[in-house]
């Protein structure tokens, strides 16, 4: 099983998870990050690094986040690979504890 980035990352994108990934499995979108399920080696290093608590093992994923398995797989193909920690979004701290953020997910490819 792989790890999955979920809703808590939307509008935050802290990026602390990126530098600890030994296989460069993260892809970056406008306001969210995803893990490539083909690249992920299930090491779990990213889980503890995420200040938003957005990363879960797919096998233990809370039911309300089930759709994020497909979202991670789909957006990995559209978004660029990121190897270095990006800057968090400017208002990340204001959004980190917000709920029901799916409606804010921007799926367009970053420039």
PDB file of N, CA and C in Angstrom:
ATOM      1  N   UNK A   1       0.844  -1.175   0.000  1.00  0.00           N
ATOM      2  CA  UNK A   1       0.000   0.000   0.000  1.00  0.00           C
ATOM      3  C   UNK A   1       0.888   1.236   0.000  1.00  0.00           C
ATOM      4  N   UNK A   2       0.325   2.346  -0.407  1.00  0.00           N
ATOM      5  CA  UNK A   2       1.073   3.593  -0.525  1.00  0.00           C
ATOM      6  C   UNK A   2       0.550   4.631   0.461  1.00  0.00           C
ATOM      7  N   UNK A   3       1.219   5.735   0.530  1.00  0.00           N
ATOM      8  CA  UNK A   3       0.763   6.849   1.350  1.00  0.00           C
ATOM      9  C   UNK A   3       0.011   7.830   0.470  1.00  0.00           C
ATOM     10  N   UNK A   4      -0.925   8.555   1.094  1.00  0.00           N
ATOM     11  CA  UNK A   4      -1.849   9.422   0.363  1.00  0.00           C
ATOM     12  C   UNK A   4      -1.910  10.783   1.050  1.00  0.00           C
ATOM     13  N   UNK A   5      -1.832  11.841   0.253  1.00  0.00           N
ATOM     14  CA  UNK A   5      -2.022  13.194   0.776  1.00  0.00           C
ATOM     15  C   UNK A   5      -3.524  13.479   0.713  1.00  0.00           C
ATOM     16  N   UNK A   6      -4.057  14.008   1.798  1.00  0.00           N
ATOM     17  CA  UNK A   6      -5.501  14.237   1.885  1.00  0.00           C
ATOM     18  C   UNK A   6      -5.839  15.719   2.051  1.00  0.00           C
ATOM     19  N   UNK A   7      -7.081  15.959   2.315  1.00  0.00           N
ATOM     20  CA  UNK A   7      -7.682  17.287   2.346  1.00  0.00           C
ATOM     21  C   UNK A   7      -6.962  18.329   3.195  1.00  0.00           C
ATOM     22  N   UNK A   8      -6.358  17.938   4.277  1.00  0.00           N
ATOM     23  CA  UNK A   8      -5.720  18.912   5.167  1.00  0.00           C
ATOM     24  C   UNK A   8      -4.598  19.694   4.482  1.00  0.00           C
ATOM     25  N   UNK A   9      -4.056  19.160   3.400  1.00  0.00           N
ATOM     26  CA  UNK A   9      -2.988  19.843   2.661  1.00  0.00           C
ATOM     27  C   UNK A   9      -3.520  20.987   1.788  1.00  0.00           C
ATOM     28  N   UNK A  10      -4.777  20.913   1.400  1.00  0.00           N
ATOM     29  CA  UNK A  10      -5.345  21.924   0.505  1.00  0.00           C
ATOM     30  C   UNK A  10      -5.234  23.314   1.134  1.00  0.00           C
ATOM     31  N   UNK A  11      -4.723  24.243   0.354  1.00  0.00           N
ATOM     32  CA  UNK A  11      -4.515  25.644   0.720  1.00  0.00           C
ATOM     33  C   UNK A  11      -3.429  25.826   1.791  1.00  0.00           C
ATOM     34  N   UNK A  12      -2.646  24.786   2.048  1.00  0.00           N
ATOM     35  CA  UNK A  12      -1.522  24.884   2.990  1.00  0.00           C
ATOM     36  C   UNK A  12      -0.207  24.610   2.255  1.00  0.00           C
ATOM     37  N   UNK A  13      -0.059  23.363   1.812  1.00  0.00           N
ATOM     38  CA  UNK A  13       1.111  22.949   1.037  1.00  0.00           C
ATOM     39  C   UNK A  13       2.413  23.333   1.739  1.00  0.00           C
ATOM     40  N   UNK A  14       2.555  22.904   2.981  1.00  0.00           N
ATOM     41  CA  UNK A  14       3.754  23.235   3.751  1.00  0.00           C
ATOM     42  C   UNK A  14       5.029  22.680   3.110  1.00  0.00           C
ATOM     43  N   UNK A  15       4.979  21.482   2.590  1.00  0.00           N
ATOM     44  CA  UNK A  15       6.122  20.918   1.877  1.00  0.00           C
ATOM     45  C   UNK A  15       7.210  20.297   2.721  1.00  0.00           C
ATOM     46  N   UNK A  16       7.034  20.213   4.032  1.00  0.00           N
ATOM     47  CA  UNK A  16       8.043  19.599   4.896  1.00  0.00           C
ATOM     48  C   UNK A  16       8.258  18.125   4.543  1.00  0.00           C
ATOM     49  N   UNK A  17       7.262  17.527   3.907  1.00  0.00           N
ATOM     50  CA  UNK A  17       7.301  16.124   3.514  1.00  0.00           C
ATOM     51  C   UNK A  17       8.281  15.863   2.367  1.00  0.00           C
ATOM     52  N   UNK A  18       8.471  16.832   1.521  1.00  0.00           N
ATOM     53  CA  UNK A  18       9.245  16.633   0.292  1.00  0.00           C
ATOM     54  C   UNK A  18      10.705  16.252   0.540  1.00  0.00           C
ATOM     55  N   UNK A  19      11.463  17.001   1.332  1.00  0.00           N
ATOM     56  CA  UNK A  19      12.888  16.669   1.473  1.00  0.00           C
ATOM     57  C   UNK A  19      13.176  15.339   2.172  1.00  0.00           C
ATOM     58  N   UNK A  20      12.215  14.797   2.919  1.00  0.00           N
ATOM     59  CA  UNK A  20      12.475  13.522   3.602  1.00  0.00           C
ATOM     60  C   UNK A  20      12.149  12.316   2.736  1.00  0.00           C
ATOM     61  N   UNK A  21      11.519  12.526   1.603  1.00  0.00           N
ATOM     62  CA  UNK A  21      11.141  11.421   0.725  1.00  0.00           C
ATOM     63  C   UNK A  21      12.377  10.878  -0.006  1.00  0.00           C
ATOM     64  N   UNK A  22      12.726   9.616   0.244  1.00  0.00           N
ATOM     65  CA  UNK A  22      13.937   9.066  -0.370  1.00  0.00           C
ATOM     66  C   UNK A  22      13.793   8.712  -1.851  1.00  0.00           C
ATOM     67  N   UNK A  23      12.573   8.753  -2.372  1.00  0.00           N
ATOM     68  CA  UNK A  23      12.358   8.351  -3.772  1.00  0.00           C
ATOM     69  C   UNK A  23      11.720   9.440  -4.630  1.00  0.00           C
ATOM     70  N   UNK A  24      11.653  10.668  -4.130  1.00  0.00           N
ATOM     71  CA  UNK A  24      11.062  11.771  -4.891  1.00  0.00           C
ATOM     72  C   UNK A  24       9.677  11.404  -5.421  1.00  0.00           C
ATOM     73  N   UNK A  25       8.757  11.136  -4.511  1.00  0.00           N
ATOM     74  CA  UNK A  25       7.405  10.714  -4.891  1.00  0.00           C
ATOM     75  C   UNK A  25       6.383  11.844  -4.893  1.00  0.00           C
ATOM     76  N   UNK A  26       6.784  13.056  -4.511  1.00  0.00           N
ATOM     77  CA  UNK A  26       5.821  14.158  -4.407  1.00  0.00           C
ATOM     78  C   UNK A  26       5.715  14.963  -5.691  1.00  0.00           C
ATOM     79  N   UNK A  27       4.490  15.365  -5.978  1.00  0.00           N
ATOM     80  CA  UNK A  27       4.188  16.241  -7.113  1.00  0.00           C
ATOM     81  C   UNK A  27       3.426  17.429  -6.557  1.00  0.00           C
ATOM     82  N   UNK A  28       3.668  18.611  -7.149  1.00  0.00           N
ATOM     83  CA  UNK A  28       3.128  19.852  -6.620  1.00  0.00           C
ATOM     84  C   UNK A  28       2.149  20.502  -7.575  1.00  0.00           C
ATOM     85  N   UNK A  29       0.990  20.848  -7.020  1.00  0.00           N
ATOM     86  CA  UNK A  29      -0.019  21.594  -7.761  1.00  0.00           C
ATOM     87  C   UNK A  29      -0.134  22.994  -7.199  1.00  0.00           C
ATOM     88  N   UNK A  30      -1.112  23.752  -7.669  1.00  0.00           N
ATOM     89  CA  UNK A  30      -1.250  25.142  -7.224  1.00  0.00           C
ATOM     90  C   UNK A  30      -1.452  25.304  -5.722  1.00  0.00           C
ATOM     91  N   UNK A  31      -2.264  24.427  -5.109  1.00  0.00           N
ATOM     92  CA  UNK A  31      -2.523  24.594  -3.681  1.00  0.00           C
ATOM     93  C   UNK A  31      -2.624  23.260  -2.930  1.00  0.00           C
ATOM     94  N   UNK A  32      -1.937  22.231  -3.447  1.00  0.00           N
ATOM     95  CA  UNK A  32      -2.030  20.884  -2.886  1.00  0.00           C
ATOM     96  C   UNK A  32      -0.828  20.098  -3.391  1.00  0.00           C
ATOM     97  N   UNK A  33      -0.474  19.061  -2.667  1.00  0.00           N
ATOM     98  CA  UNK A  33       0.595  18.171  -3.105  1.00  0.00           C
ATOM     99  C   UNK A  33       0.043  16.755  -3.130  1.00  0.00           C
ATOM    100  N   UNK A  34       0.629  15.900  -3.959  1.00  0.00           N
ATOM    101  CA  UNK A  34       0.203  14.504  -4.037  1.00  0.00           C
ATOM    102  C   UNK A  34       1.419  13.591  -4.026  1.00  0.00           C
ATOM    103  N   UNK A  35       1.169  12.326  -3.676  1.00  0.00           N
ATOM    104  CA  UNK A  35       2.209  11.307  -3.672  1.00  0.00           C
ATOM    105  C   UNK A  35       1.956  10.357  -4.831  1.00  0.00           C
ATOM    106  N   UNK A  36       2.986  10.095  -5.609  1.00  0.00           N
ATOM    107  CA  UNK A  36       2.901   9.149  -6.714  1.00  0.00           C
ATOM    108  C   UNK A  36       2.835   7.735  -6.137  1.00  0.00           C
ATOM    109  N   UNK A  37       1.711   7.037  -6.331  1.00  0.00           N
ATOM    110  CA  UNK A  37       1.599   5.695  -5.762  1.00  0.00           C
ATOM    111  C   UNK A  37       2.562   4.687  -6.388  1.00  0.00           C
ATOM    112  N   UNK A  38       3.034   4.973  -7.589  1.00  0.00           N
ATOM    113  CA  UNK A  38       3.999   4.087  -8.257  1.00  0.00           C
ATOM    114  C   UNK A  38       5.405   4.264  -7.677  1.00  0.00           C
ATOM    115  N   UNK A  39       5.713   5.465  -7.206  1.00  0.00           N
ATOM    116  CA  UNK A  39       7.054   5.756  -6.688  1.00  0.00           C
ATOM    117  C   UNK A  39       7.178   5.512  -5.185  1.00  0.00           C
ATOM    118  N   UNK A  40       6.092   5.683  -4.451  1.00  0.00           N
ATOM    119  CA  UNK A  40       6.111   5.567  -2.989  1.00  0.00           C
ATOM    120  C   UNK A  40       6.573   4.171  -2.562  1.00  0.00           C
ATOM    121  N   UNK A  41       7.515   4.151  -1.614  1.00  0.00           N
ATOM    122  CA  UNK A  41       8.032   2.864  -1.119  1.00  0.00           C
ATOM    123  C   UNK A  41       7.521   2.559   0.291  1.00  0.00           C
ATOM    124  N   UNK A  42       6.508   3.272   0.719  1.00  0.00           N
ATOM    125  CA  UNK A  42       5.858   3.011   2.001  1.00  0.00           C
ATOM    126  C   UNK A  42       6.785   3.166   3.205  1.00  0.00           C
ATOM    127  N   UNK A  43       7.685   4.116   3.154  1.00  0.00           N
ATOM    128  CA  UNK A  43       8.637   4.290   4.246  1.00  0.00           C
ATOM    129  C   UNK A  43       8.040   5.060   5.423  1.00  0.00           C
ATOM    130  N   UNK A  44       7.011   5.823   5.196  1.00  0.00           N
ATOM    131  CA  UNK A  44       6.274   6.614   6.187  1.00  0.00           C
ATOM    132  C   UNK A  44       7.032   7.831   6.733  1.00  0.00           C
ATOM    133  N   UNK A  45       8.180   8.159   6.196  1.00  0.00           N
ATOM    134  CA  UNK A  45       8.949   9.300   6.695  1.00  0.00           C
ATOM    135  C   UNK A  45       8.180  10.618   6.579  1.00  0.00           C
ATOM    136  N   UNK A  46       7.360  10.737   5.562  1.00  0.00           N
ATOM    137  CA  UNK A  46       6.618  11.971   5.307  1.00  0.00           C
ATOM    138  C   UNK A  46       5.513  12.224   6.326  1.00  0.00           C
ATOM    139  N   UNK A  47       4.966  11.171   6.894  1.00  0.00           N
ATOM    140  CA  UNK A  47       3.807  11.296   7.785  1.00  0.00           C
ATOM    141  C   UNK A  47       4.095  12.223   8.960  1.00  0.00           C
ATOM    142  N   UNK A  48       5.169  11.977   9.665  1.00  0.00           N
ATOM    143  CA  UNK A  48       5.497  12.789  10.840  1.00  0.00           C
ATOM    144  C   UNK A  48       5.966  14.197  10.495  1.00  0.00           C
ATOM    145  N   UNK A  49       6.410  14.400   9.266  1.00  0.00           N
ATOM    146  CA  UNK A  49       6.900  15.717   8.862  1.00  0.00           C
ATOM    147  C   UNK A  49       5.782  16.687   8.483  1.00  0.00           C
ATOM    148  N   UNK A  50       4.605  16.181   8.201  1.00  0.00           N
ATOM    149  CA  UNK A  50       3.506  17.021   7.724  1.00  0.00           C
ATOM    150  C   UNK A  50       2.847  17.781   8.876  1.00  0.00           C
ATOM    151  N   UNK A  51       3.014  19.110   8.928  1.00  0.00           N
ATOM    152  CA  UNK A  51       2.418  19.893  10.009  1.00  0.00           C
ATOM    153  C   UNK A  51       0.888  19.884   9.978  1.00  0.00           C
ATOM    154  N   UNK A  52       0.310  19.589   8.821  1.00  0.00           N
ATOM    155  CA  UNK A  52      -1.146  19.590   8.681  1.00  0.00           C
ATOM    156  C   UNK A  52      -1.758  18.224   9.000  1.00  0.00           C
ATOM    157  N   UNK A  53      -0.932  17.202   9.185  1.00  0.00           N
ATOM    158  CA  UNK A  53      -1.457  15.861   9.444  1.00  0.00           C
ATOM    159  C   UNK A  53      -2.249  15.327   8.259  1.00  0.00           C
ATOM    160  N   UNK A  54      -1.797  15.651   7.057  1.00  0.00           N
ATOM    161  CA  UNK A  54      -2.547  15.342   5.835  1.00  0.00           C
ATOM    162  C   UNK A  54      -2.190  14.013   5.190  1.00  0.00           C
ATOM    163  N   UNK A  55      -1.156  13.331   5.663  1.00  0.00           N
ATOM    164  CA  UNK A  55      -0.680  12.125   4.979  1.00  0.00           C
ATOM    165  C   UNK A  55      -1.039  10.872   5.773  1.00  0.00           C
ATOM    166  N   UNK A  56      -1.653   9.924   5.059  1.00  0.00           N
ATOM    167  CA  UNK A  56      -2.097   8.673   5.676  1.00  0.00           C
ATOM    168  C   UNK A  56      -1.643   7.483   4.847  1.00  0.00           C
ATOM    169  N   UNK A  57      -1.454   6.357   5.519  1.00  0.00           N
ATOM    170  CA  UNK A  57      -1.264   5.083   4.835  1.00  0.00           C
ATOM    171  C   UNK A  57      -2.608   4.754   4.195  1.00  0.00           C
ATOM    172  N   UNK A  58      -2.616   4.411   2.935  1.00  0.00           N
ATOM    173  CA  UNK A  58      -3.880   4.142   2.234  1.00  0.00           C
ATOM    174  C   UNK A  58      -4.675   3.030   2.903  1.00  0.00           C
ATOM    175  N   UNK A  59      -3.999   2.090   3.531  1.00  0.00           N
ATOM    176  CA  UNK A  59      -4.717   0.992   4.175  1.00  0.00           C
ATOM    177  C   UNK A  59      -5.422   1.433   5.462  1.00  0.00           C
ATOM    178  N   UNK A  60      -5.016   2.562   6.027  1.00  0.00           N
ATOM    179  CA  UNK A  60      -5.643   3.070   7.241  1.00  0.00           C
ATOM    180  C   UNK A  60      -6.326   4.404   7.028  1.00  0.00           C
ATOM    181  N   UNK A  61      -6.644   4.687   5.790  1.00  0.00           N
ATOM    182  CA  UNK A  61      -7.234   5.973   5.419  1.00  0.00           C
ATOM    183  C   UNK A  61      -8.638   6.121   5.995  1.00  0.00           C
ATOM    184  N   UNK A  62      -8.920   7.230   6.685  1.00  0.00           N
ATOM    185  CA  UNK A  62     -10.288   7.454   7.154  1.00  0.00           C
ATOM    186  C   UNK A  62     -11.251   7.474   5.967  1.00  0.00           C
ATOM    187  N   UNK A  63     -12.437   6.936   6.151  1.00  0.00           N
ATOM    188  CA  UNK A  63     -13.417   6.795   5.068  1.00  0.00           C
ATOM    189  C   UNK A  63     -13.702   8.112   4.344  1.00  0.00           C
ATOM    190  N   UNK A  64     -13.719   9.209   5.076  1.00  0.00           N
ATOM    191  CA  UNK A  64     -14.030  10.497   4.436  1.00  0.00           C
ATOM    192  C   UNK A  64     -12.956  10.955   3.447  1.00  0.00           C
ATOM    193  N   UNK A  65     -11.806  10.317   3.478  1.00  0.00           N
ATOM    194  CA  UNK A  65     -10.725  10.676   2.564  1.00  0.00           C
ATOM    195  C   UNK A  65     -10.502   9.644   1.468  1.00  0.00           C
ATOM    196  N   UNK A  66     -11.380   8.702   1.310  1.00  0.00           N
ATOM    197  CA  UNK A  66     -11.207   7.611   0.340  1.00  0.00           C
ATOM    198  C   UNK A  66     -10.956   8.122  -1.074  1.00  0.00           C
ATOM    199  N   UNK A  67     -11.622   9.190  -1.475  1.00  0.00           N
ATOM    200  CA  UNK A  67     -11.451   9.699  -2.844  1.00  0.00           C
ATOM    201  C   UNK A  67     -10.038  10.207  -3.121  1.00  0.00           C
ATOM    202  N   UNK A  68      -9.268  10.466  -2.078  1.00  0.00           N
ATOM    203  CA  UNK A  68      -7.921  11.005  -2.281  1.00  0.00           C
ATOM    204  C   UNK A  68      -6.931   9.969  -2.825  1.00  0.00           C
ATOM    205  N   UNK A  69      -7.238   8.702  -2.731  1.00  0.00           N
ATOM    206  CA  UNK A  69      -6.387   7.677  -3.346  1.00  0.00           C
ATOM    207  C   UNK A  69      -6.367   7.918  -4.855  1.00  0.00           C
ATOM    208  N   UNK A  70      -7.533   8.050  -5.470  1.00  0.00           N
ATOM    209  CA  UNK A  70      -7.628   8.299  -6.914  1.00  0.00           C
ATOM    210  C   UNK A  70      -7.106   9.686  -7.274  1.00  0.00           C
ATOM    211  N   UNK A  71      -7.378  10.666  -6.425  1.00  0.00           N
ATOM    212  CA  UNK A  71      -6.908  12.033  -6.693  1.00  0.00           C
ATOM    213  C   UNK A  71      -5.384  12.070  -6.730  1.00  0.00           C
ATOM    214  N   UNK A  72      -4.712  11.420  -5.785  1.00  0.00           N
ATOM    215  CA  UNK A  72      -3.246  11.384  -5.789  1.00  0.00           C
ATOM    216  C   UNK A  72      -2.731  10.720  -7.062  1.00  0.00           C
ATOM    217  N   UNK A  73      -3.323   9.585  -7.430  1.00  0.00           N
ATOM    218  CA  UNK A  73      -2.877   8.859  -8.630  1.00  0.00           C
ATOM    219  C   UNK A  73      -3.098   9.688  -9.892  1.00  0.00           C
ATOM    220  N   UNK A  74      -4.228  10.355  -9.984  1.00  0.00           N
ATOM    221  CA  UNK A  74      -4.555  11.153 -11.172  1.00  0.00           C
ATOM    222  C   UNK A  74      -3.678  12.397 -11.295  1.00  0.00           C
ATOM    223  N   UNK A  75      -3.556  13.148 -10.206  1.00  0.00           N
ATOM    224  CA  UNK A  75      -2.820  14.411 -10.277  1.00  0.00           C
ATOM    225  C   UNK A  75      -1.311  14.214 -10.365  1.00  0.00           C
ATOM    226  N   UNK A  76      -0.815  13.084  -9.930  1.00  0.00           N
ATOM    227  CA  UNK A  76       0.606  12.769 -10.095  1.00  0.00           C
ATOM    228  C   UNK A  76       0.987  12.817 -11.574  1.00  0.00           C
ATOM    229  N   UNK A  77       0.077  12.398 -12.419  1.00  0.00           N
ATOM    230  CA  UNK A  77       0.339  12.377 -13.868  1.00  0.00           C
ATOM    231  C   UNK A  77       0.300  13.770 -14.485  1.00  0.00           C
ATOM    232  N   UNK A  78      -0.426  14.695 -13.851  1.00  0.00           N
ATOM    233  CA  UNK A  78      -0.600  16.037 -14.408  1.00  0.00           C
ATOM    234  C   UNK A  78       0.352  17.078 -13.830  1.00  0.00           C
ATOM    235  N   UNK A  79       0.782  16.874 -12.602  1.00  0.00           N
ATOM    236  CA  UNK A  79       1.581  17.883 -11.920  1.00  0.00           C
ATOM    237  C   UNK A  79       3.065  17.541 -11.928  1.00  0.00           C
ATOM    238  N   UNK A  80       3.918  18.575 -11.883  1.00  0.00           N
ATOM    239  CA  UNK A  80       5.367  18.339 -11.906  1.00  0.00           C
ATOM    240  C   UNK A  80       5.905  17.741 -10.604  1.00  0.00           C
ATOM    241  N   UNK A  81       6.924  16.946 -10.773  1.00  0.00           N
ATOM    242  CA  UNK A  81       7.656  16.369  -9.649  1.00  0.00           C
ATOM    243  C   UNK A  81       8.316  17.499  -8.870  1.00  0.00           C
ATOM    244  N   UNK A  82       8.321  17.394  -7.568  1.00  0.00           N
ATOM    245  CA  UNK A  82       8.989  18.389  -6.732  1.00  0.00           C
ATOM    246  C   UNK A  82      10.001  17.655  -5.867  1.00  0.00           C
ATOM    247  N   UNK A  83      11.240  18.142  -5.864  1.00  0.00           N
ATOM    248  CA  UNK A  83      12.314  17.486  -5.118  1.00  0.00           C
ATOM    249  C   UNK A  83      12.800  18.319  -3.940  1.00  0.00           C
ATOM    250  N   UNK A  84      12.515  19.602  -3.969  1.00  0.00           N
ATOM    251  CA  UNK A  84      12.941  20.497  -2.893  1.00  0.00           C
ATOM    252  C   UNK A  84      11.707  21.056  -2.193  1.00  0.00           C
ATOM    253  N   UNK A  85      11.860  21.375  -0.928  1.00  0.00           N
ATOM    254  CA  UNK A  85      10.750  21.899  -0.147  1.00  0.00           C
ATOM    255  C   UNK A  85      10.253  23.209  -0.750  1.00  0.00           C
ATOM    256  N   UNK A  86       8.983  23.243  -1.135  1.00  0.00           N
ATOM    257  CA  UNK A  86       8.434  24.509  -1.642  1.00  0.00           C
ATOM    258  C   UNK A  86       8.095  25.429  -0.469  1.00  0.00           C
ATOM    259  N   UNK A  87       7.872  26.674  -0.767  1.00  0.00           N
ATOM    260  CA  UNK A  87       7.406  27.602   0.260  1.00  0.00           C
ATOM    261  C   UNK A  87       5.943  27.288   0.538  1.00  0.00           C
ATOM    262  N   UNK A  88       5.530  27.278   1.802  1.00  0.00           N
ATOM    263  CA  UNK A  88       4.112  27.078   2.091  1.00  0.00           C
ATOM    264  C   UNK A  88       3.307  28.227   1.482  1.00  0.00           C
ATOM    265  N   UNK A  89       2.051  28.003   1.261  1.00  0.00           N
ATOM    266  CA  UNK A  89       1.204  29.079   0.762  1.00  0.00           C
ATOM    267  C   UNK A  89       1.160  30.188   1.809  1.00  0.00           C
ATOM    268  N   UNK A  90       1.053  31.447   1.379  1.00  0.00           N
ATOM    269  CA  UNK A  90       1.150  32.583   2.306  1.00  0.00           C
ATOM    270  C   UNK A  90       0.171  32.535   3.484  1.00  0.00           C
ATOM    271  N   UNK A  91      -1.018  31.994   3.262  1.00  0.00           N
ATOM    272  CA  UNK A  91      -2.005  31.945   4.338  1.00  0.00           C
ATOM    273  C   UNK A  91      -2.220  30.521   4.863  1.00  0.00           C
ATOM    274  N   UNK A  92      -1.206  29.689   4.737  1.00  0.00           N
ATOM    275  CA  UNK A  92      -1.296  28.284   5.165  1.00  0.00           C
ATOM    276  C   UNK A  92      -1.722  28.142   6.620  1.00  0.00           C
ATOM    277  N   UNK A  93      -1.156  28.947   7.487  1.00  0.00           N
ATOM    278  CA  UNK A  93      -1.478  28.827   8.909  1.00  0.00           C
ATOM    279  C   UNK A  93      -2.947  29.147   9.197  1.00  0.00           C
ATOM    280  N   UNK A  94      -3.549  29.964   8.362  1.00  0.00           N
ATOM    281  CA  UNK A  94      -4.966  30.302   8.530  1.00  0.00           C
ATOM    282  C   UNK A  94      -5.872  29.155   8.077  1.00  0.00           C
ATOM    283  N   UNK A  95      -5.376  28.313   7.155  1.00  0.00           N
ATOM    284  CA  UNK A  95      -6.177  27.230   6.582  1.00  0.00           C
ATOM    285  C   UNK A  95      -5.923  25.862   7.200  1.00  0.00           C
ATOM    286  N   UNK A  96      -4.845  25.703   7.931  1.00  0.00           N
ATOM    287  CA  UNK A  96      -4.421  24.374   8.357  1.00  0.00           C
ATOM    288  C   UNK A  96      -5.492  23.602   9.130  1.00  0.00           C
ATOM    289  N   UNK A  97      -6.284  24.259   9.931  1.00  0.00           N
ATOM    290  CA  UNK A  97      -7.302  23.560  10.721  1.00  0.00           C
ATOM    291  C   UNK A  97      -8.699  23.610  10.111  1.00  0.00           C
ATOM    292  N   UNK A  98      -8.817  24.210   8.936  1.00  0.00           N
ATOM    293  CA  UNK A  98     -10.129  24.304   8.273  1.00  0.00           C
ATOM    294  C   UNK A  98     -10.606  22.919   7.840  1.00  0.00           C
ATOM    295  N   UNK A  99     -11.902  22.736   7.813  1.00  0.00           N
ATOM    296  CA  UNK A  99     -12.514  21.468   7.391  1.00  0.00           C
ATOM    297  C   UNK A  99     -13.212  21.671   6.052  1.00  0.00           C
ATOM    298  N   UNK A 100     -13.549  20.566   5.412  1.00  0.00           N
ATOM    299  CA  UNK A 100     -14.299  20.595   4.148  1.00  0.00           C
ATOM    300  C   UNK A 100     -13.632  21.490   3.099  1.00  0.00           C
ATOM    301  N   UNK A 101     -12.354  21.229   2.843  1.00  0.00           N
ATOM    302  CA  UNK A 101     -11.589  22.061   1.914  1.00  0.00           C
ATOM    303  C   UNK A 101     -11.567  21.530   0.481  1.00  0.00           C
ATOM    304  N   UNK A 102     -12.195  20.390   0.208  1.00  0.00           N
ATOM    305  CA  UNK A 102     -12.141  19.813  -1.133  1.00  0.00           C
ATOM    306  C   UNK A 102     -12.559  20.815  -2.209  1.00  0.00           C
ATOM    307  N   UNK A 103     -13.566  21.608  -1.924  1.00  0.00           N
ATOM    308  CA  UNK A 103     -14.074  22.579  -2.908  1.00  0.00           C
ATOM    309  C   UNK A 103     -13.022  23.606  -3.321  1.00  0.00           C
ATOM    310  N   UNK A 104     -11.959  23.725  -2.551  1.00  0.00           N
ATOM    311  CA  UNK A 104     -10.889  24.680  -2.863  1.00  0.00           C
ATOM    312  C   UNK A 104      -9.722  24.059  -3.630  1.00  0.00           C
ATOM    313  N   UNK A 105      -9.778  22.754  -3.857  1.00  0.00           N
ATOM    314  CA  UNK A 105      -8.682  22.081  -4.556  1.00  0.00           C
ATOM    315  C   UNK A 105      -8.587  22.578  -5.996  1.00  0.00           C
ATOM    316  N   UNK A 106      -7.422  23.134  -6.335  1.00  0.00           N
ATOM    317  CA  UNK A 106      -7.154  23.608  -7.701  1.00  0.00           C
ATOM    318  C   UNK A 106      -6.399  22.505  -8.419  1.00  0.00           C
ATOM    319  N   UNK A 107      -7.016  21.970  -9.475  1.00  0.00           N
ATOM    320  CA  UNK A 107      -6.419  20.829 -10.172  1.00  0.00           C
ATOM    321  C   UNK A 107      -5.626  21.210 -11.408  1.00  0.00           C
ATOM    322  N   UNK A 108      -5.612  22.470 -11.768  1.00  0.00           N
ATOM    323  CA  UNK A 108      -4.854  22.894 -12.939  1.00  0.00           C
ATOM    324  C   UNK A 108      -3.362  22.688 -12.705  1.00  0.00           C
ATOM    325  N   UNK A 109      -2.657  22.389 -13.771  1.00  0.00           N
ATOM    326  CA  UNK A 109      -1.202  22.190 -13.680  1.00  0.00           C
ATOM    327  C   UNK A 109      -0.529  23.514 -13.334  1.00  0.00           C
ATOM    328  N   UNK A 110       0.529  23.439 -12.530  1.00  0.00           N
ATOM    329  CA  UNK A 110       1.301  24.641 -12.211  1.00  0.00           C
ATOM    330  C   UNK A 110       2.204  24.963 -13.392  1.00  0.00           C
ATOM    331  N   UNK A 111       2.611  26.201 -13.463  1.00  0.00           N
ATOM    332  CA  UNK A 111       3.454  26.669 -14.581  1.00  0.00           C
ATOM    333  C   UNK A 111       4.864  26.127 -14.464  1.00  0.00           C
TER     334      UNK A 111
END
